[in-house]
N, C-alpha and C. Protein backbone atom coordinates (compact mmCIF):
# COMPACT_ATOMS: atom_id res chain seq x y z
N MET A 1 -70.38 61.60 -63.76
CA MET A 1 -69.22 61.08 -63.08
C MET A 1 -69.36 61.34 -61.59
N LEU A 2 -68.63 60.55 -60.82
CA LEU A 2 -68.66 60.69 -59.37
C LEU A 2 -67.23 60.92 -58.88
N PHE A 3 -67.04 62.01 -58.14
CA PHE A 3 -65.73 62.37 -57.58
C PHE A 3 -65.82 62.20 -56.08
N VAL A 4 -64.93 61.39 -55.50
CA VAL A 4 -64.98 61.07 -54.07
C VAL A 4 -63.70 61.54 -53.38
N ASP A 5 -63.88 62.38 -52.37
CA ASP A 5 -62.75 62.87 -51.59
C ASP A 5 -63.30 63.33 -50.25
N ASP A 6 -62.59 63.04 -49.17
CA ASP A 6 -63.08 63.44 -47.85
C ASP A 6 -62.84 64.91 -47.55
N GLU A 7 -62.15 65.62 -48.41
CA GLU A 7 -61.91 67.05 -48.21
C GLU A 7 -62.82 67.85 -49.14
N GLU A 8 -63.75 68.60 -48.52
CA GLU A 8 -64.71 69.40 -49.28
C GLU A 8 -64.02 70.35 -50.26
N GLY A 9 -62.89 70.90 -49.86
CA GLY A 9 -62.17 71.82 -50.74
C GLY A 9 -61.74 71.16 -52.04
N ASN A 10 -61.32 69.90 -51.95
CA ASN A 10 -60.94 69.17 -53.16
C ASN A 10 -62.14 68.91 -54.06
N LEU A 11 -63.29 68.66 -53.45
CA LEU A 11 -64.50 68.46 -54.25
C LEU A 11 -64.89 69.74 -54.98
N PHE A 12 -64.78 70.87 -54.28
CA PHE A 12 -65.08 72.16 -54.89
C PHE A 12 -64.14 72.41 -56.07
N VAL A 13 -62.85 72.19 -55.86
CA VAL A 13 -61.85 72.40 -56.91
C VAL A 13 -62.13 71.49 -58.11
N ALA A 14 -62.46 70.23 -57.86
CA ALA A 14 -62.75 69.29 -58.95
C ALA A 14 -63.96 69.77 -59.75
N ARG A 15 -65.03 70.20 -59.05
CA ARG A 15 -66.21 70.71 -59.76
C ARG A 15 -65.85 71.92 -60.62
N GLU A 16 -65.03 72.80 -60.08
CA GLU A 16 -64.61 73.99 -60.84
C GLU A 16 -63.77 73.59 -62.06
N MET A 17 -62.85 72.66 -61.88
CA MET A 17 -62.00 72.22 -62.98
C MET A 17 -62.81 71.58 -64.10
N LEU A 18 -63.91 70.94 -63.72
CA LEU A 18 -64.72 70.21 -64.70
C LEU A 18 -65.99 70.96 -65.10
N ALA A 19 -66.05 72.24 -64.75
CA ALA A 19 -67.26 73.03 -65.03
C ALA A 19 -67.60 73.07 -66.51
N ASP A 20 -66.59 73.09 -67.37
CA ASP A 20 -66.83 73.15 -68.82
C ASP A 20 -66.87 71.77 -69.48
N ALA A 21 -66.64 70.74 -68.70
CA ALA A 21 -66.64 69.38 -69.25
C ALA A 21 -68.08 68.94 -69.53
N PRO A 22 -68.26 68.12 -70.56
CA PRO A 22 -69.62 67.67 -70.90
C PRO A 22 -70.09 66.50 -70.03
N VAL A 23 -69.88 66.63 -68.71
CA VAL A 23 -70.31 65.59 -67.78
C VAL A 23 -70.98 66.25 -66.58
N VAL A 24 -71.88 65.51 -65.96
CA VAL A 24 -72.46 65.95 -64.70
C VAL A 24 -71.54 65.44 -63.61
N VAL A 25 -71.10 66.33 -62.73
CA VAL A 25 -70.16 65.97 -61.68
C VAL A 25 -70.92 65.83 -60.36
N LEU A 26 -71.02 64.59 -59.88
CA LEU A 26 -71.57 64.32 -58.56
C LEU A 26 -70.39 64.13 -57.61
N THR A 27 -70.61 64.38 -56.33
CA THR A 27 -69.52 64.24 -55.37
C THR A 27 -69.98 63.46 -54.14
N ALA A 28 -68.99 62.90 -53.46
CA ALA A 28 -69.23 62.21 -52.19
C ALA A 28 -68.01 62.42 -51.32
N THR A 29 -68.23 62.47 -50.01
CA THR A 29 -67.12 62.71 -49.09
C THR A 29 -66.58 61.44 -48.44
N ASP A 30 -67.18 60.30 -48.75
CA ASP A 30 -66.68 59.04 -48.19
C ASP A 30 -67.16 57.87 -49.04
N GLY A 31 -66.59 56.71 -48.78
CA GLY A 31 -66.93 55.52 -49.55
C GLY A 31 -68.38 55.10 -49.43
N ALA A 32 -68.93 55.19 -48.23
CA ALA A 32 -70.33 54.78 -48.03
C ALA A 32 -71.28 55.65 -48.85
N SER A 33 -71.05 56.96 -48.84
CA SER A 33 -71.89 57.87 -49.64
C SER A 33 -71.71 57.60 -51.13
N ALA A 34 -70.48 57.31 -51.52
CA ALA A 34 -70.22 57.00 -52.92
C ALA A 34 -70.98 55.75 -53.35
N LEU A 35 -71.00 54.73 -52.50
CA LEU A 35 -71.73 53.50 -52.83
C LEU A 35 -73.23 53.78 -52.96
N GLU A 36 -73.76 54.64 -52.10
CA GLU A 36 -75.18 55.01 -52.21
C GLU A 36 -75.45 55.68 -53.55
N THR A 37 -74.58 56.57 -53.96
CA THR A 37 -74.76 57.24 -55.25
C THR A 37 -74.66 56.24 -56.39
N LEU A 38 -73.69 55.34 -56.33
CA LEU A 38 -73.54 54.32 -57.36
C LEU A 38 -74.79 53.44 -57.48
N ARG A 39 -75.43 53.18 -56.35
CA ARG A 39 -76.65 52.36 -56.36
C ARG A 39 -77.83 53.10 -56.98
N SER A 40 -77.82 54.43 -56.89
CA SER A 40 -78.99 55.19 -57.33
C SER A 40 -78.81 55.91 -58.67
N GLU A 41 -77.60 56.04 -59.15
CA GLU A 41 -77.32 56.79 -60.38
C GLU A 41 -76.42 55.97 -61.29
N PRO A 42 -76.67 56.02 -62.60
CA PRO A 42 -75.70 55.39 -63.51
C PRO A 42 -74.44 56.27 -63.57
N ILE A 43 -73.31 55.70 -63.21
CA ILE A 43 -72.05 56.45 -63.15
C ILE A 43 -71.09 55.88 -64.19
N ALA A 44 -70.67 56.73 -65.11
CA ALA A 44 -69.73 56.30 -66.14
C ALA A 44 -68.30 56.30 -65.62
N VAL A 45 -67.94 57.33 -64.83
CA VAL A 45 -66.56 57.50 -64.36
C VAL A 45 -66.57 57.75 -62.85
N LEU A 46 -65.75 57.00 -62.14
CA LEU A 46 -65.60 57.13 -60.70
C LEU A 46 -64.15 57.50 -60.40
N VAL A 47 -63.96 58.67 -59.77
CA VAL A 47 -62.63 59.11 -59.34
C VAL A 47 -62.65 59.11 -57.82
N SER A 48 -61.73 58.36 -57.22
CA SER A 48 -61.69 58.29 -55.76
C SER A 48 -60.31 58.62 -55.22
N ASP A 49 -60.32 59.45 -54.17
CA ASP A 49 -59.11 59.68 -53.39
C ASP A 49 -58.76 58.37 -52.70
N GLN A 50 -57.49 58.15 -52.44
CA GLN A 50 -57.06 56.93 -51.76
C GLN A 50 -57.27 56.99 -50.27
N ARG A 51 -56.79 58.04 -49.64
CA ARG A 51 -56.82 58.10 -48.17
C ARG A 51 -58.06 58.82 -47.68
N MET A 52 -59.01 58.01 -47.20
CA MET A 52 -60.25 58.54 -46.64
C MET A 52 -60.58 57.72 -45.40
N PRO A 53 -61.23 58.34 -44.44
CA PRO A 53 -61.61 57.58 -43.24
C PRO A 53 -62.72 56.59 -43.56
N GLY A 54 -62.69 55.47 -42.87
CA GLY A 54 -63.76 54.48 -43.02
C GLY A 54 -63.52 53.48 -44.13
N MET A 55 -63.30 53.96 -45.32
CA MET A 55 -63.09 53.09 -46.49
C MET A 55 -62.07 53.76 -47.39
N SER A 56 -61.01 53.06 -47.69
CA SER A 56 -59.98 53.64 -48.57
C SER A 56 -60.49 53.68 -50.00
N GLY A 57 -59.78 54.43 -50.82
CA GLY A 57 -60.12 54.48 -52.23
C GLY A 57 -60.01 53.11 -52.89
N VAL A 58 -58.99 52.35 -52.52
CA VAL A 58 -58.83 51.00 -53.08
C VAL A 58 -60.04 50.14 -52.74
N GLU A 59 -60.48 50.20 -51.47
CA GLU A 59 -61.65 49.41 -51.07
C GLU A 59 -62.89 49.84 -51.86
N LEU A 60 -63.09 51.14 -52.02
CA LEU A 60 -64.23 51.63 -52.79
C LEU A 60 -64.15 51.18 -54.24
N LEU A 61 -62.99 51.32 -54.84
CA LEU A 61 -62.83 50.94 -56.24
C LEU A 61 -62.98 49.44 -56.43
N GLN A 62 -62.55 48.66 -55.45
CA GLN A 62 -62.73 47.21 -55.53
C GLN A 62 -64.21 46.85 -55.49
N ARG A 63 -64.97 47.48 -54.59
CA ARG A 63 -66.42 47.24 -54.53
C ARG A 63 -67.08 47.66 -55.83
N ALA A 64 -66.67 48.82 -56.34
CA ALA A 64 -67.24 49.31 -57.60
C ALA A 64 -66.93 48.35 -58.74
N ALA A 65 -65.71 47.82 -58.77
CA ALA A 65 -65.33 46.89 -59.83
C ALA A 65 -66.19 45.63 -59.80
N THR A 66 -66.57 45.19 -58.61
CA THR A 66 -67.40 44.00 -58.47
C THR A 66 -68.85 44.27 -58.81
N GLU A 67 -69.40 45.37 -58.28
CA GLU A 67 -70.82 45.64 -58.44
C GLU A 67 -71.16 46.43 -59.70
N TRP A 68 -70.25 47.27 -60.17
CA TRP A 68 -70.48 48.10 -61.36
C TRP A 68 -69.26 48.01 -62.27
N PRO A 69 -69.01 46.84 -62.86
CA PRO A 69 -67.77 46.63 -63.60
C PRO A 69 -67.61 47.54 -64.82
N ASP A 70 -68.69 48.08 -65.33
CA ASP A 70 -68.59 48.94 -66.51
C ASP A 70 -68.15 50.35 -66.18
N THR A 71 -68.26 50.75 -64.92
CA THR A 71 -67.83 52.08 -64.51
C THR A 71 -66.31 52.17 -64.63
N ILE A 72 -65.84 53.22 -65.27
CA ILE A 72 -64.40 53.43 -65.42
C ILE A 72 -63.90 54.03 -64.10
N ARG A 73 -62.86 53.41 -63.53
CA ARG A 73 -62.38 53.78 -62.19
C ARG A 73 -60.99 54.41 -62.24
N LEU A 74 -60.85 55.54 -61.52
CA LEU A 74 -59.57 56.24 -61.43
C LEU A 74 -59.23 56.46 -59.96
N LEU A 75 -57.96 56.33 -59.61
CA LEU A 75 -57.50 56.56 -58.25
C LEU A 75 -56.75 57.87 -58.19
N LEU A 76 -57.01 58.63 -57.14
CA LEU A 76 -56.37 59.93 -56.93
C LEU A 76 -55.70 59.91 -55.56
N THR A 77 -54.44 60.29 -55.50
CA THR A 77 -53.78 60.38 -54.21
C THR A 77 -52.67 61.41 -54.24
N GLY A 78 -52.44 61.99 -53.09
CA GLY A 78 -51.37 62.96 -52.93
C GLY A 78 -50.13 62.34 -52.34
N PHE A 79 -50.20 61.06 -52.03
CA PHE A 79 -49.09 60.38 -51.39
C PHE A 79 -48.45 59.38 -52.35
N ALA A 80 -47.15 59.29 -52.31
CA ALA A 80 -46.43 58.34 -53.15
C ALA A 80 -46.50 56.97 -52.50
N ASP A 81 -47.64 56.34 -52.57
CA ASP A 81 -47.88 55.05 -51.94
C ASP A 81 -47.99 53.98 -53.02
N LEU A 82 -46.86 53.41 -53.39
CA LEU A 82 -46.82 52.43 -54.46
C LEU A 82 -47.71 51.23 -54.15
N GLY A 83 -47.76 50.81 -52.90
CA GLY A 83 -48.61 49.68 -52.52
C GLY A 83 -50.08 49.95 -52.81
N ALA A 84 -50.52 51.18 -52.54
CA ALA A 84 -51.92 51.54 -52.81
C ALA A 84 -52.20 51.53 -54.30
N VAL A 85 -51.25 52.00 -55.08
CA VAL A 85 -51.44 52.00 -56.53
C VAL A 85 -51.51 50.58 -57.05
N VAL A 86 -50.62 49.72 -56.58
CA VAL A 86 -50.63 48.31 -56.99
C VAL A 86 -51.96 47.66 -56.60
N ASP A 87 -52.42 47.91 -55.38
CA ASP A 87 -53.71 47.37 -54.94
C ASP A 87 -54.84 47.90 -55.80
N ALA A 88 -54.80 49.18 -56.13
CA ALA A 88 -55.86 49.78 -56.94
C ALA A 88 -55.90 49.14 -58.33
N ILE A 89 -54.74 48.85 -58.86
CA ILE A 89 -54.68 48.20 -60.18
C ILE A 89 -55.17 46.76 -60.07
N ASN A 90 -54.63 46.02 -59.12
CA ASN A 90 -54.93 44.60 -59.01
C ASN A 90 -56.31 44.31 -58.44
N ARG A 91 -56.73 45.06 -57.41
CA ARG A 91 -58.02 44.78 -56.76
C ARG A 91 -59.14 45.66 -57.30
N GLY A 92 -58.83 46.90 -57.62
CA GLY A 92 -59.85 47.84 -58.04
C GLY A 92 -59.97 48.01 -59.54
N GLY A 93 -59.08 47.37 -60.28
CA GLY A 93 -59.13 47.44 -61.73
C GLY A 93 -59.16 48.87 -62.26
N ILE A 94 -58.30 49.73 -61.69
CA ILE A 94 -58.37 51.12 -62.12
C ILE A 94 -57.91 51.28 -63.56
N TRP A 95 -58.44 52.28 -64.18
CA TRP A 95 -58.11 52.60 -65.56
C TRP A 95 -56.95 53.59 -65.61
N ARG A 96 -56.88 54.45 -64.56
CA ARG A 96 -55.82 55.45 -64.52
C ARG A 96 -55.57 55.90 -63.09
N TYR A 97 -54.35 56.36 -62.86
CA TYR A 97 -53.91 56.86 -61.56
C TYR A 97 -53.58 58.34 -61.72
N LEU A 98 -54.14 59.18 -60.85
CA LEU A 98 -53.90 60.62 -60.88
C LEU A 98 -53.27 61.06 -59.57
N THR A 99 -52.42 62.08 -59.62
CA THR A 99 -51.76 62.56 -58.42
C THR A 99 -52.27 63.94 -58.03
N LYS A 100 -52.20 64.20 -56.72
CA LYS A 100 -52.49 65.53 -56.19
C LYS A 100 -51.17 66.26 -56.04
N PRO A 101 -51.12 67.54 -56.20
CA PRO A 101 -52.26 68.37 -56.60
C PRO A 101 -52.64 68.08 -58.05
N ILE A 102 -53.93 68.18 -58.31
CA ILE A 102 -54.45 67.83 -59.63
C ILE A 102 -54.16 68.96 -60.61
N ASP A 103 -53.62 68.57 -61.74
CA ASP A 103 -53.44 69.52 -62.84
C ASP A 103 -54.78 69.58 -63.59
N PRO A 104 -55.38 70.77 -63.73
CA PRO A 104 -56.69 70.87 -64.38
C PRO A 104 -56.73 70.26 -65.77
N THR A 105 -55.70 70.50 -66.56
CA THR A 105 -55.68 69.96 -67.92
C THR A 105 -55.61 68.44 -67.89
N ASP A 106 -54.80 67.90 -67.00
CA ASP A 106 -54.68 66.45 -66.88
C ASP A 106 -56.01 65.82 -66.44
N LEU A 107 -56.67 66.44 -65.47
CA LEU A 107 -57.97 65.92 -65.00
C LEU A 107 -59.00 65.98 -66.12
N GLN A 108 -59.10 67.10 -66.80
CA GLN A 108 -60.08 67.23 -67.88
C GLN A 108 -59.81 66.20 -68.97
N HIS A 109 -58.54 66.03 -69.32
CA HIS A 109 -58.17 65.05 -70.35
C HIS A 109 -58.51 63.62 -69.89
N ALA A 110 -58.19 63.30 -68.66
CA ALA A 110 -58.47 61.96 -68.14
C ALA A 110 -59.97 61.68 -68.13
N ILE A 111 -60.78 62.65 -67.71
CA ILE A 111 -62.22 62.46 -67.66
C ILE A 111 -62.79 62.31 -69.07
N ARG A 112 -62.29 63.12 -70.01
CA ARG A 112 -62.77 63.00 -71.40
C ARG A 112 -62.46 61.62 -71.95
N LEU A 113 -61.22 61.15 -71.76
CA LEU A 113 -60.84 59.83 -72.27
C LEU A 113 -61.61 58.71 -71.56
N ALA A 114 -61.80 58.84 -70.25
CA ALA A 114 -62.54 57.82 -69.50
C ALA A 114 -63.99 57.76 -69.97
N THR A 115 -64.59 58.92 -70.21
CA THR A 115 -65.96 58.96 -70.70
C THR A 115 -66.07 58.32 -72.08
N GLU A 116 -65.11 58.61 -72.95
CA GLU A 116 -65.09 57.98 -74.27
C GLU A 116 -64.93 56.47 -74.14
N GLN A 117 -64.08 56.03 -73.22
CA GLN A 117 -63.88 54.59 -72.99
C GLN A 117 -65.19 53.94 -72.54
N TYR A 118 -65.90 54.59 -71.63
CA TYR A 118 -67.17 54.08 -71.15
C TYR A 118 -68.16 53.95 -72.30
N ARG A 119 -68.26 54.98 -73.13
CA ARG A 119 -69.19 54.95 -74.27
C ARG A 119 -68.82 53.87 -75.27
N THR A 120 -67.53 53.70 -75.52
CA THR A 120 -67.07 52.66 -76.44
C THR A 120 -67.44 51.28 -75.91
N ARG A 121 -67.21 51.06 -74.62
CA ARG A 121 -67.57 49.77 -74.02
C ARG A 121 -69.07 49.54 -74.07
N ALA A 122 -69.86 50.58 -73.81
CA ALA A 122 -71.32 50.46 -73.86
C ALA A 122 -71.78 50.11 -75.28
N ALA A 123 -71.20 50.75 -76.29
CA ALA A 123 -71.55 50.46 -77.68
C ALA A 123 -71.17 49.02 -78.03
N HIS A 124 -70.03 48.59 -77.54
CA HIS A 124 -69.59 47.22 -77.79
C HIS A 124 -70.54 46.21 -77.15
N ARG A 125 -70.93 46.47 -75.90
CA ARG A 125 -71.88 45.58 -75.22
C ARG A 125 -73.20 45.49 -75.98
N GLU A 126 -73.67 46.62 -76.48
CA GLU A 126 -74.92 46.64 -77.24
C GLU A 126 -74.78 45.87 -78.54
N GLU A 127 -73.65 46.01 -79.20
CA GLU A 127 -73.41 45.28 -80.44
C GLU A 127 -73.39 43.77 -80.18
N VAL A 128 -72.72 43.36 -79.12
CA VAL A 128 -72.68 41.93 -78.77
C VAL A 128 -74.09 41.42 -78.45
N ARG A 129 -74.87 42.20 -77.69
CA ARG A 129 -76.24 41.81 -77.37
C ARG A 129 -77.07 41.66 -78.64
N SER A 130 -76.92 42.58 -79.56
CA SER A 130 -77.66 42.53 -80.81
C SER A 130 -77.26 41.31 -81.65
N LEU A 131 -75.96 41.04 -81.70
CA LEU A 131 -75.50 39.87 -82.46
C LEU A 131 -75.99 38.56 -81.84
N LYS A 132 -75.99 38.49 -80.51
CA LYS A 132 -76.50 37.28 -79.85
C LYS A 132 -77.98 37.10 -80.15
N ALA A 133 -78.74 38.17 -80.15
CA ALA A 133 -80.17 38.09 -80.46
C ALA A 133 -80.37 37.62 -81.90
N ARG A 134 -79.56 38.11 -82.81
CA ARG A 134 -79.66 37.70 -84.21
C ARG A 134 -79.30 36.23 -84.37
N ILE A 135 -78.27 35.77 -83.67
CA ILE A 135 -77.89 34.35 -83.72
C ILE A 135 -79.03 33.48 -83.19
N ASP A 136 -79.61 33.88 -82.06
CA ASP A 136 -80.74 33.13 -81.50
C ASP A 136 -81.89 33.06 -82.50
N GLU A 137 -82.17 34.17 -83.16
CA GLU A 137 -83.24 34.20 -84.16
C GLU A 137 -82.95 33.26 -85.33
N LEU A 138 -81.72 33.29 -85.82
CA LEU A 138 -81.36 32.42 -86.94
C LEU A 138 -81.38 30.96 -86.53
N GLU A 139 -80.92 30.65 -85.31
CA GLU A 139 -80.97 29.26 -84.84
C GLU A 139 -82.41 28.77 -84.72
N ALA A 140 -83.30 29.63 -84.25
CA ALA A 140 -84.72 29.26 -84.14
C ALA A 140 -85.31 29.01 -85.51
N ARG A 141 -84.99 29.84 -86.47
CA ARG A 141 -85.50 29.66 -87.84
C ARG A 141 -84.96 28.37 -88.45
N LEU A 142 -83.69 28.09 -88.21
CA LEU A 142 -83.08 26.87 -88.74
C LEU A 142 -83.72 25.64 -88.09
N ALA A 143 -83.96 25.69 -86.78
CA ALA A 143 -84.58 24.56 -86.09
C ALA A 143 -86.00 24.35 -86.58
N ALA A 144 -86.71 25.39 -86.94
CA ALA A 144 -88.07 25.26 -87.44
C ALA A 144 -88.10 24.60 -88.81
N LYS A 145 -87.04 24.73 -89.58
CA LYS A 145 -86.97 24.14 -90.91
C LYS A 145 -86.59 22.67 -90.87
N VAL A 146 -85.96 22.24 -89.80
CA VAL A 146 -85.48 20.85 -89.71
C VAL A 146 -86.54 19.94 -89.23
């Protein structure tokens, strides 16, 4: 998973909260660094703070939704900014919204569920790919008989 926040202290706290979670926690301090990580690592879950310099969380999540649609996206903010949440849902296709200060149990639960969601989607994609391959094979066999 990738946790993005411009405050190093929040990244430290997130790593500590998720120390016992069965995920590798990567971090980034801004949207540009997060995009670099997304380009180089398969990321199942992306958690982004909303208010960051340079690129907002909504902008990052929107880019991630376009370029890595299978990544499960969560927005984190300490501000009651309904417009940002609406944008994150509509533009960034977020799966969940989390508030600061982060409750450790809530974060752990959200990451576990998001990871399960990612795995379920991956299994579904593989099943669809396998079924399409089987259909192609059967169509080829049928065409050879005609």
